[in-house]
Amino acid sequence: MSRIVTMLCPHCEVIAYVRSSQPMTALYRQLVFRCSNDLCGHVFVADLVAVRTVSPSACPNPEITLPFAKTVKLRNLSLQLELAFRDAANDPA
């Protein structure tokens, strides 16, 4: 299922649709929007930037450095603590 990227026109506040986009980097794209209100007709550029990881990739690209969201950090810390306590409980010493 494909979703259409939209945002409100900053002038008339009617939906504007992406007409084209250009990749600038692996994490950054420029989008060209056109207002759907023919009486307005505003065409403008917006930036789309990946800013953080919410769910880690199963096949990460080593060239991409994207910080983790706080929820991911907390989930990883919780898992590490759980594993450490489990190892300590199973340690016969």
N, C-alpha and C. Protein backbone atom coordinates (compact mmCIF):
# COMPACT_ATOMS: atom_id res chain seq x y z
N MET A 1 0.84 -1.18 0.00
CA MET A 1 0.00 0.00 0.00
C MET A 1 0.88 1.24 0.00
N SER A 2 0.72 2.07 -0.97
CA SER A 2 1.51 3.29 -1.11
C SER A 2 0.78 4.46 -0.45
N ARG A 3 1.53 5.26 0.26
CA ARG A 3 0.96 6.47 0.87
C ARG A 3 1.50 7.68 0.14
N ILE A 4 0.65 8.68 0.01
CA ILE A 4 1.04 9.92 -0.66
C ILE A 4 1.48 10.92 0.40
N VAL A 5 2.66 11.49 0.21
CA VAL A 5 3.17 12.49 1.14
C VAL A 5 2.50 13.83 0.85
N THR A 6 1.94 14.41 1.90
CA THR A 6 1.28 15.71 1.75
C THR A 6 1.67 16.60 2.93
N MET A 7 1.41 17.86 2.79
CA MET A 7 1.47 18.81 3.89
C MET A 7 0.59 20.00 3.51
N LEU A 8 0.27 20.82 4.47
CA LEU A 8 -0.57 21.97 4.16
C LEU A 8 0.26 23.08 3.54
N CYS A 9 -0.34 23.73 2.57
CA CYS A 9 0.29 24.90 1.96
C CYS A 9 0.45 25.97 3.04
N PRO A 10 1.63 26.56 3.17
CA PRO A 10 1.82 27.57 4.21
C PRO A 10 1.03 28.86 3.98
N HIS A 11 0.49 29.04 2.75
CA HIS A 11 -0.25 30.27 2.45
C HIS A 11 -1.75 30.09 2.62
N CYS A 12 -2.34 29.11 1.94
CA CYS A 12 -3.80 28.98 1.98
C CYS A 12 -4.26 27.82 2.86
N GLU A 13 -3.32 27.00 3.36
CA GLU A 13 -3.59 25.88 4.25
C GLU A 13 -4.46 24.78 3.62
N VAL A 14 -4.35 24.64 2.30
CA VAL A 14 -4.98 23.53 1.58
C VAL A 14 -3.88 22.50 1.34
N ILE A 15 -4.26 21.23 1.15
CA ILE A 15 -3.27 20.17 0.96
C ILE A 15 -2.38 20.43 -0.26
N ALA A 16 -1.08 20.24 -0.04
CA ALA A 16 -0.09 20.32 -1.13
C ALA A 16 0.49 18.92 -1.30
N TYR A 17 0.71 18.53 -2.55
CA TYR A 17 1.22 17.20 -2.88
C TYR A 17 2.64 17.28 -3.39
N VAL A 18 3.42 16.22 -3.16
CA VAL A 18 4.78 16.14 -3.69
C VAL A 18 4.69 15.96 -5.20
N ARG A 19 5.38 16.81 -5.93
CA ARG A 19 5.41 16.71 -7.40
C ARG A 19 6.69 16.03 -7.84
N SER A 20 7.77 16.22 -7.08
CA SER A 20 9.04 15.57 -7.39
C SER A 20 9.90 15.57 -6.13
N SER A 21 10.94 14.76 -6.16
CA SER A 21 11.88 14.75 -5.05
C SER A 21 13.26 14.40 -5.58
N GLN A 22 14.25 14.83 -4.84
CA GLN A 22 15.63 14.58 -5.26
C GLN A 22 16.44 14.15 -4.03
N PRO A 23 17.07 12.97 -4.12
CA PRO A 23 17.92 12.56 -3.01
C PRO A 23 19.18 13.43 -2.96
N MET A 24 19.49 13.92 -1.77
CA MET A 24 20.70 14.71 -1.60
C MET A 24 21.79 13.85 -0.95
N THR A 25 21.39 13.05 0.06
CA THR A 25 22.27 12.08 0.71
C THR A 25 21.40 10.87 1.06
N ALA A 26 21.98 9.87 1.70
CA ALA A 26 21.21 8.69 2.11
C ALA A 26 20.18 9.03 3.18
N LEU A 27 20.38 10.13 3.90
CA LEU A 27 19.47 10.52 4.98
C LEU A 27 18.67 11.79 4.70
N TYR A 28 18.86 12.38 3.53
CA TYR A 28 18.26 13.69 3.24
C TYR A 28 17.74 13.76 1.81
N ARG A 29 16.48 14.20 1.68
CA ARG A 29 15.84 14.40 0.37
C ARG A 29 15.20 15.78 0.33
N GLN A 30 15.19 16.39 -0.86
CA GLN A 30 14.43 17.62 -1.07
C GLN A 30 13.16 17.26 -1.82
N LEU A 31 12.03 17.73 -1.32
CA LEU A 31 10.73 17.46 -1.93
C LEU A 31 10.16 18.75 -2.50
N VAL A 32 9.61 18.68 -3.69
CA VAL A 32 8.94 19.84 -4.29
C VAL A 32 7.44 19.61 -4.18
N PHE A 33 6.76 20.51 -3.48
CA PHE A 33 5.32 20.42 -3.28
C PHE A 33 4.60 21.42 -4.16
N ARG A 34 3.36 21.07 -4.53
CA ARG A 34 2.48 22.01 -5.23
C ARG A 34 1.14 22.03 -4.53
N CYS A 35 0.66 23.22 -4.21
CA CYS A 35 -0.62 23.39 -3.55
C CYS A 35 -1.73 22.92 -4.49
N SER A 36 -2.71 22.19 -3.94
CA SER A 36 -3.82 21.68 -4.76
C SER A 36 -4.90 22.73 -4.99
N ASN A 37 -4.80 23.87 -4.34
CA ASN A 37 -5.73 24.98 -4.56
C ASN A 37 -5.27 25.74 -5.80
N ASP A 38 -5.98 25.58 -6.90
CA ASP A 38 -5.58 26.22 -8.15
C ASP A 38 -5.56 27.74 -8.06
N LEU A 39 -6.33 28.32 -7.16
CA LEU A 39 -6.32 29.77 -6.99
C LEU A 39 -5.05 30.23 -6.28
N CYS A 40 -4.41 29.32 -5.54
CA CYS A 40 -3.16 29.63 -4.85
C CYS A 40 -1.98 29.25 -5.73
N GLY A 41 -1.87 27.96 -6.06
CA GLY A 41 -0.83 27.49 -6.97
C GLY A 41 0.59 27.56 -6.44
N HIS A 42 0.75 27.71 -5.13
CA HIS A 42 2.08 27.83 -4.55
C HIS A 42 2.89 26.55 -4.76
N VAL A 43 4.13 26.71 -5.20
CA VAL A 43 5.08 25.60 -5.34
C VAL A 43 6.23 25.91 -4.40
N PHE A 44 6.59 24.92 -3.57
CA PHE A 44 7.64 25.16 -2.58
C PHE A 44 8.45 23.90 -2.33
N VAL A 45 9.63 24.09 -1.75
CA VAL A 45 10.55 22.99 -1.46
C VAL A 45 10.57 22.75 0.04
N ALA A 46 10.54 21.47 0.41
CA ALA A 46 10.66 21.08 1.82
C ALA A 46 11.75 20.02 1.93
N ASP A 47 12.33 19.92 3.10
CA ASP A 47 13.38 18.93 3.34
C ASP A 47 12.83 17.76 4.14
N LEU A 48 13.25 16.57 3.77
CA LEU A 48 12.90 15.35 4.49
C LEU A 48 14.20 14.73 4.98
N VAL A 49 14.33 14.62 6.30
CA VAL A 49 15.59 14.18 6.90
C VAL A 49 15.31 13.06 7.90
N ALA A 50 16.05 11.97 7.81
CA ALA A 50 15.99 10.92 8.83
C ALA A 50 16.80 11.42 10.02
N VAL A 51 16.20 11.42 11.23
CA VAL A 51 16.88 12.01 12.38
C VAL A 51 17.26 11.01 13.48
N ARG A 52 16.53 9.89 13.60
CA ARG A 52 16.88 8.90 14.62
C ARG A 52 16.26 7.55 14.28
N THR A 53 16.80 6.51 14.88
CA THR A 53 16.33 5.15 14.69
C THR A 53 15.31 4.80 15.77
N VAL A 54 14.16 4.31 15.36
CA VAL A 54 13.13 3.88 16.29
C VAL A 54 13.18 2.36 16.46
N SER A 55 13.44 1.67 15.37
CA SER A 55 13.60 0.22 15.39
C SER A 55 14.83 -0.11 14.55
N PRO A 56 15.84 -0.75 15.14
CA PRO A 56 17.08 -1.02 14.41
C PRO A 56 16.86 -1.89 13.16
N SER A 57 17.67 -1.64 12.16
CA SER A 57 17.62 -2.40 10.92
C SER A 57 18.17 -3.81 11.12
N ALA A 58 17.56 -4.77 10.43
CA ALA A 58 18.07 -6.14 10.45
C ALA A 58 19.25 -6.30 9.49
N CYS A 59 19.44 -5.32 8.62
CA CYS A 59 20.58 -5.35 7.69
C CYS A 59 21.19 -3.94 7.62
N PRO A 60 21.83 -3.50 8.70
CA PRO A 60 22.32 -2.13 8.78
C PRO A 60 23.43 -1.82 7.77
N ASN A 61 23.42 -0.59 7.30
CA ASN A 61 24.45 -0.09 6.40
C ASN A 61 25.56 0.51 7.28
N PRO A 62 26.78 -0.02 7.22
CA PRO A 62 27.85 0.49 8.09
C PRO A 62 28.23 1.94 7.81
N GLU A 63 27.83 2.46 6.67
CA GLU A 63 28.15 3.85 6.34
C GLU A 63 27.15 4.84 6.93
N ILE A 64 26.05 4.34 7.50
CA ILE A 64 25.02 5.22 8.05
C ILE A 64 25.15 5.30 9.56
N THR A 65 25.24 6.52 10.07
CA THR A 65 25.27 6.75 11.51
C THR A 65 24.02 7.55 11.87
N LEU A 66 23.08 6.88 12.49
CA LEU A 66 21.82 7.50 12.86
C LEU A 66 21.59 7.22 14.34
N PRO A 67 21.44 8.24 15.18
CA PRO A 67 21.29 8.00 16.61
C PRO A 67 20.01 7.22 16.91
N PHE A 68 20.04 6.52 18.03
CA PHE A 68 18.87 5.77 18.47
C PHE A 68 17.95 6.66 19.28
N ALA A 69 16.64 6.41 19.15
CA ALA A 69 15.66 7.10 19.97
C ALA A 69 15.83 6.66 21.41
N LYS A 70 15.41 7.48 22.36
CA LYS A 70 15.54 7.15 23.78
C LYS A 70 14.86 5.83 24.10
N THR A 71 13.73 5.56 23.46
CA THR A 71 13.01 4.30 23.74
C THR A 71 13.84 3.09 23.36
N VAL A 72 14.61 3.19 22.28
CA VAL A 72 15.46 2.08 21.85
C VAL A 72 16.60 1.91 22.85
N LYS A 73 17.18 3.01 23.31
CA LYS A 73 18.26 2.94 24.29
C LYS A 73 17.76 2.29 25.59
N LEU A 74 16.58 2.69 26.05
CA LEU A 74 16.02 2.13 27.28
C LEU A 74 15.71 0.65 27.12
N ARG A 75 15.16 0.27 25.97
CA ARG A 75 14.84 -1.14 25.72
C ARG A 75 16.11 -1.97 25.70
N ASN A 76 17.17 -1.47 25.07
CA ASN A 76 18.44 -2.20 25.02
C ASN A 76 19.07 -2.31 26.41
N LEU A 77 19.01 -1.23 27.20
CA LEU A 77 19.55 -1.26 28.55
C LEU A 77 18.79 -2.26 29.41
N SER A 78 17.48 -2.27 29.28
CA SER A 78 16.64 -3.20 30.04
C SER A 78 16.99 -4.65 29.68
N LEU A 79 17.18 -4.92 28.40
CA LEU A 79 17.54 -6.26 27.95
C LEU A 79 18.92 -6.65 28.49
N GLN A 80 19.87 -5.74 28.45
CA GLN A 80 21.21 -6.03 28.97
C GLN A 80 21.17 -6.34 30.46
N LEU A 81 20.39 -5.57 31.22
CA LEU A 81 20.27 -5.82 32.66
C LEU A 81 19.61 -7.18 32.93
N GLU A 82 18.58 -7.47 32.17
CA GLU A 82 17.90 -8.76 32.33
C GLU A 82 18.86 -9.92 32.06
N LEU A 83 19.65 -9.82 31.00
CA LEU A 83 20.61 -10.87 30.68
C LEU A 83 21.70 -10.97 31.75
N ALA A 84 22.14 -9.83 32.28
CA ALA A 84 23.17 -9.83 33.32
C ALA A 84 22.64 -10.50 34.59
N PHE A 85 21.41 -10.19 34.99
CA PHE A 85 20.82 -10.82 36.18
C PHE A 85 20.60 -12.31 35.96
N ARG A 86 20.19 -12.69 34.76
CA ARG A 86 19.98 -14.10 34.44
C ARG A 86 21.32 -14.85 34.52
N ASP A 87 22.38 -14.25 33.97
CA ASP A 87 23.72 -14.88 34.04
C ASP A 87 24.19 -14.99 35.48
N ALA A 88 23.95 -13.94 36.28
CA ALA A 88 24.37 -13.95 37.68
C ALA A 88 23.62 -15.01 38.46
N ALA A 89 22.34 -15.20 38.18
CA ALA A 89 21.52 -16.19 38.88
C ALA A 89 21.96 -17.61 38.51
N ASN A 90 22.47 -17.80 37.30
CA ASN A 90 22.91 -19.12 36.86
C ASN A 90 24.38 -19.41 37.17
N ASP A 91 25.08 -18.42 37.72
CA ASP A 91 26.50 -18.59 38.04
C ASP A 91 26.65 -19.42 39.33
N PRO A 92 27.30 -20.58 39.25
CA PRO A 92 27.39 -21.44 40.43
C PRO A 92 28.34 -20.90 41.51
N ALA A 93 29.13 -19.89 41.22
CA ALA A 93 30.12 -19.38 42.18
C ALA A 93 29.53 -18.66 43.33
